[in-house]
Structures are given as structure tokens and as C-alpha cells.
Protein backbone atom coordinates (compact mmCIF):
# COMPACT_ATOMS: atom_id res chain seq x y z
CA MET A 1 -15.31 -21.91 -16.62
CA ALA A 2 -15.43 -18.15 -16.43
CA SER A 3 -17.55 -18.30 -13.65
CA GLU A 4 -16.19 -20.51 -11.63
CA THR A 5 -12.91 -18.69 -12.05
CA THR A 6 -14.84 -15.93 -11.04
CA GLU A 7 -16.90 -17.43 -8.32
CA LEU A 8 -13.50 -18.98 -7.05
CA GLN A 9 -11.78 -15.69 -6.86
CA GLN A 10 -14.38 -13.76 -4.70
CA ALA A 11 -14.34 -16.89 -2.66
CA ILE A 12 -10.79 -16.56 -1.79
CA PHE A 13 -11.39 -12.68 -1.58
CA ALA A 14 -14.29 -12.61 0.66
CA GLY A 15 -12.10 -15.20 3.36
CA LYS A 16 -9.17 -12.66 3.48
CA VAL A 17 -11.47 -9.93 4.27
CA GLN A 18 -12.80 -11.90 7.23
CA ARG A 19 -9.67 -12.66 8.24
CA ALA A 20 -8.72 -9.74 7.85
CA ARG A 21 -11.46 -8.04 10.00
CA ALA A 22 -10.49 -10.65 12.51
CA LEU A 23 -7.74 -9.46 13.46
CA PRO A 24 -6.89 -7.57 16.97
CA ALA A 25 -6.04 -3.62 16.12
CA ALA A 26 -3.01 -3.84 17.84
CA ARG A 27 -1.98 -6.61 14.42
CA LYS A 28 -3.60 -4.13 12.42
CA ILE A 29 -1.57 -1.30 13.22
CA ALA A 30 1.86 -3.21 13.91
CA ASP A 31 1.44 -4.78 10.19
CA ALA A 32 0.45 -1.37 8.36
CA ALA A 33 3.89 -0.17 10.08
CA SER A 34 5.58 -3.20 8.67
CA LEU A 35 3.98 -2.58 5.56
CA PHE A 36 4.97 0.77 5.12
CA ASP A 37 8.50 0.04 6.21
CA ASP A 38 8.89 -2.27 3.75
CA THR A 39 7.74 0.40 0.99
CA LEU A 40 10.00 2.61 2.03
CA ALA A 41 12.79 -0.36 1.60
CA LEU A 42 11.82 -0.47 -1.94
CA MET A 43 11.45 3.21 -2.85
CA ARG A 44 15.37 3.46 -1.43
CA LEU A 45 16.38 0.47 -3.16
CA ALA A 46 14.30 2.01 -6.59
CA ILE A 47 15.69 5.85 -5.66
CA ALA A 48 19.65 4.50 -5.37
CA THR A 49 19.25 1.55 -8.65
CA ASP A 50 17.86 4.81 -11.23
CA ASN A 51 19.92 7.16 -9.61
CA PRO A 52 23.26 5.02 -9.14
CA THR A 53 25.36 8.18 -8.14
CA PHE A 54 23.27 9.45 -5.12
CA HIS A 55 24.70 9.57 -2.10
CA PRO A 56 22.71 7.46 1.02
CA GLU A 57 21.64 11.65 2.49
CA GLN A 58 20.31 11.86 -1.34
CA VAL A 59 18.60 8.90 -1.45
CA THR A 60 16.68 9.57 1.81
CA ALA A 61 16.01 13.48 0.52
CA GLU A 62 14.15 12.30 -2.85
CA VAL A 63 11.98 9.32 -0.35
CA ALA A 64 11.24 12.94 2.06
CA ARG A 65 10.27 14.58 -1.17
CA ARG A 66 7.71 11.58 -2.76
CA LEU A 67 6.48 11.19 0.69
CA ARG A 68 5.09 15.02 0.40
CA ILE A 69 4.22 14.88 -2.88
CA ALA A 70 2.07 11.58 -1.58
CA ARG A 71 0.96 14.31 1.37
CA ARG A 72 -0.36 17.06 -0.94
CA LEU A 73 -2.03 15.15 -3.29
CA ASP A 74 -3.69 13.26 -0.54
CA GLU A 75 -4.62 16.79 1.09
CA ALA A 76 -5.78 18.03 -1.74
CA GLY A 77 -8.20 15.83 -2.56
CA ILE A 78 -8.09 14.96 -5.59
CA TYR A 79 -8.66 10.99 -5.42
CA GLU A 80 -11.76 9.52 -4.56
CA PRO A 81 -11.29 6.49 -2.01
CA ALA A 82 -12.44 3.14 -3.40
CA GLY A 83 -14.27 2.18 -0.84
CA THR A 84 -14.79 -0.93 0.52
CA ILE A 85 -15.59 -4.67 -0.08
CA ASP A 86 -19.27 -3.63 1.41
CA ASP A 87 -19.77 -1.31 -0.90
CA GLN A 88 -19.18 -3.54 -3.84
CA PRO A 89 -22.38 -5.16 -6.41
């Protein structure tokens, strides 16, 4: 049973990868921008929920601060890339 489930999961994932690779570059860029916008909206909501006394300007400043931290971590090379589906055994 477990191997059947694993095989099904792998087949579903491979299908998703194949469909993603077939997308035109412009669509991939548009999708990435949309995902980033959605992420920012979720960040704003979480910050506002965690800090109910924050004004909208404070929420914006906190989003910017967190993005600066993320950029510094990325530029520091602390994390290694996970690779791609082609790198998996």
C-alpha cells in the first residue's frame, strides 16, 4: 500500500513539473509576481493580526524590515539550494 501511494505521489509531482516546464516564460513570470503579491498580502495580514495597535504605515515598515532580513540571509549564502526534480534519486 505504501509503495502504491508513493508511486502515485511521484507521478502526480512529475505531472506538475512537466506542466510547469511547458508554460511560456511570460506566464511563469506573471505567476511568480502573483505569488509574491499573495505572499505580501499574507505577511501584512499576519503582522496586523499579531500587532493590532499598528497603523498601516507600521505594517508596511515591518513588511519591508522582514524582506530586508530575508534578502540579507539569501545574500549571505547561509542556505543551500535544494536542487531540482532532476537532482532527485
